[in-house]
Amino acid sequence: MVLDRLSEYPSVYAAWKALTAKLGVGAESLRRWVVQAQVDAGEKKGLTSDELGEIKRLRAEVRDLK
């Protein structure tokens, strides 16, 4: 929703700040979701949700093997 409405706001910050109250979620949670969505879409650098899931799975596997 935030990414769809970016054109209505001067910045990503302004968009998530305005939409936080409307969505009833915490500002930091919404900010992190927006950043992760941008990473997943290839708009920002970072680990995608799939990559983070794979790392989590591998860490659990290593923990189990130990």
Protein backbone atom coordinates (compact mmCIF):
# COMPACT_ATOMS: atom_id res chain seq x y z
CA MET A 1 0.00 0.00 0.00
CA VAL A 2 2.81 2.41 0.88
CA LEU A 3 4.73 1.65 -2.30
CA ASP A 4 1.58 2.07 -4.37
CA ARG A 5 1.02 5.54 -2.92
CA LEU A 6 4.57 6.89 -3.07
CA SER A 7 3.68 9.32 -5.85
CA GLU A 8 1.23 11.04 -3.47
CA TYR A 9 3.98 11.90 -0.96
CA PRO A 10 7.29 13.79 -1.21
CA SER A 11 9.29 10.84 0.17
CA VAL A 12 9.05 7.23 1.36
CA TYR A 13 9.40 8.57 4.90
CA ALA A 14 6.40 10.86 4.47
CA ALA A 15 4.34 8.03 2.99
CA TRP A 16 4.93 5.51 5.76
CA LYS A 17 4.60 8.17 8.43
CA ALA A 18 1.17 9.21 7.11
CA LEU A 19 -0.06 5.67 6.56
CA THR A 20 1.07 4.30 9.93
CA ALA A 21 -1.98 5.67 11.74
CA LYS A 22 -4.36 4.62 8.98
CA LEU A 23 -3.09 1.04 9.03
CA GLY A 24 -2.89 0.79 12.80
CA VAL A 25 0.67 -0.54 12.89
CA GLY A 26 3.84 0.76 14.50
CA ALA A 27 5.95 3.20 12.53
CA GLU A 28 9.10 1.09 12.78
CA SER A 29 7.29 -2.08 11.69
CA LEU A 30 5.85 -0.36 8.65
CA ARG A 31 9.24 1.20 7.80
CA ARG A 32 10.93 -2.21 7.93
CA TRP A 33 8.21 -3.77 5.76
CA VAL A 34 8.60 -1.00 3.18
CA VAL A 35 12.38 -1.39 3.07
CA GLN A 36 12.08 -5.19 2.75
CA ALA A 37 9.53 -4.81 -0.06
CA GLN A 38 11.92 -2.49 -1.88
CA VAL A 39 14.77 -5.01 -1.46
CA ASP A 40 12.55 -7.84 -2.69
CA ALA A 41 11.59 -5.73 -5.73
CA GLY A 42 15.26 -5.03 -6.49
CA GLU A 43 14.93 -1.32 -5.78
CA LYS A 44 17.37 -1.40 -2.85
CA LYS A 45 20.41 -3.45 -1.99
CA GLY A 46 20.11 -6.07 0.71
CA LEU A 47 19.06 -9.64 1.35
CA THR A 48 15.70 -10.65 -0.10
CA SER A 49 13.05 -12.38 1.96
CA ASP A 50 13.93 -15.66 0.24
CA GLU A 51 17.61 -15.25 1.09
CA LEU A 52 16.80 -14.40 4.71
CA GLY A 53 14.58 -17.47 4.92
CA GLU A 54 17.34 -19.65 3.52
CA ILE A 55 19.85 -18.29 6.04
CA LYS A 56 17.40 -18.95 8.88
CA ARG A 57 16.81 -22.49 7.63
CA LEU A 58 20.54 -23.19 7.30
CA ARG A 59 21.28 -21.83 10.78
CA ALA A 60 18.60 -24.11 12.23
CA GLU A 61 20.09 -27.04 10.32
CA VAL A 62 23.59 -26.28 11.65
CA ARG A 63 22.21 -25.95 15.17
CA ASP A 64 20.48 -29.33 14.85
CA LEU A 65 23.63 -30.97 13.48
CA LYS A 66 25.72 -29.70 16.38
